[in-house]
Amino acid sequence: MSNTDRDQEIRNRAYLLWEKAGRPTGQEHDFWAEAAREIEGADKSEDEASSNRFKAR
């Protein structure tokens, strides 16, 4: 995934989190950070699942 794609995915998730919280002002960085943690955590889980799938047992 390119950085541009990742940024857009984080932006979209942060917006949804912000809306769900009632659109508070002054917390943009908090919502961005939360969205980034969620997206990056999901990416890591997918990478681990993918790499585990091909390990010899």
Protein backbone atom coordinates (compact mmCIF):
# COMPACT_ATOMS: atom_id res chain seq x y z
CA MET A 1 0.00 0.00 0.00
CA SER A 2 1.42 3.39 -0.93
CA ASN A 3 1.76 6.20 1.59
CA THR A 4 -0.91 8.16 -0.27
CA ASP A 5 -3.35 5.25 -0.01
CA ARG A 6 -2.52 4.74 3.67
CA ASP A 7 -2.96 8.46 4.42
CA GLN A 8 -6.34 8.46 2.70
CA GLU A 9 -7.43 5.38 4.63
CA ILE A 10 -6.33 6.99 7.90
CA ARG A 11 -8.07 10.24 6.93
CA ASN A 12 -11.32 8.41 6.23
CA ARG A 13 -11.17 6.47 9.51
CA ALA A 14 -10.27 9.60 11.52
CA TYR A 15 -13.27 11.39 10.01
CA LEU A 16 -15.60 8.55 11.01
CA LEU A 17 -14.19 8.53 14.55
CA TRP A 18 -14.59 12.31 14.74
CA GLU A 19 -18.21 12.14 13.57
CA LYS A 20 -19.00 9.32 16.00
CA ALA A 21 -17.58 11.45 18.85
CA GLY A 22 -19.94 14.31 18.00
CA ARG A 23 -17.53 16.39 15.89
CA PRO A 24 -15.54 17.98 18.72
CA THR A 25 -13.14 20.79 17.85
CA GLY A 26 -9.45 20.83 18.64
CA GLN A 27 -8.90 17.07 18.74
CA GLU A 28 -7.85 16.43 15.15
CA HIS A 29 -4.50 14.98 16.14
CA ASP A 30 -6.12 12.58 18.61
CA PHE A 31 -8.48 11.19 15.99
CA TRP A 32 -5.68 10.94 13.41
CA ALA A 33 -3.48 9.07 15.91
CA GLU A 34 -6.27 6.66 16.84
CA ALA A 35 -7.08 5.99 13.19
CA ALA A 36 -3.40 5.43 12.39
CA ARG A 37 -3.07 2.92 15.25
CA GLU A 38 -6.13 1.05 14.00
CA ILE A 39 -5.02 1.01 10.36
CA GLU A 40 -1.42 0.08 11.12
CA GLY A 41 -2.57 -2.61 13.54
CA ALA A 42 -4.84 -4.06 10.89
CA ASP A 43 -2.01 -4.00 8.35
CA LYS A 44 0.33 -5.80 10.75
CA SER A 45 -2.30 -8.46 11.48
CA GLU A 46 -2.82 -9.05 7.76
CA ASP A 47 0.95 -9.28 7.17
CA GLU A 48 1.35 -11.78 10.01
CA ALA A 49 -1.58 -13.87 8.80
CA SER A 50 -0.17 -13.85 5.29
CA SER A 51 3.33 -14.85 6.40
CA ASN A 52 1.97 -17.56 8.73
CA ARG A 53 -0.01 -19.05 5.90
CA PHE A 54 3.16 -19.98 4.01
CA LYS A 55 5.27 -21.38 6.83
CA ALA A 56 6.12 -25.04 6.66
CA ARG A 57 4.83 -27.07 9.55
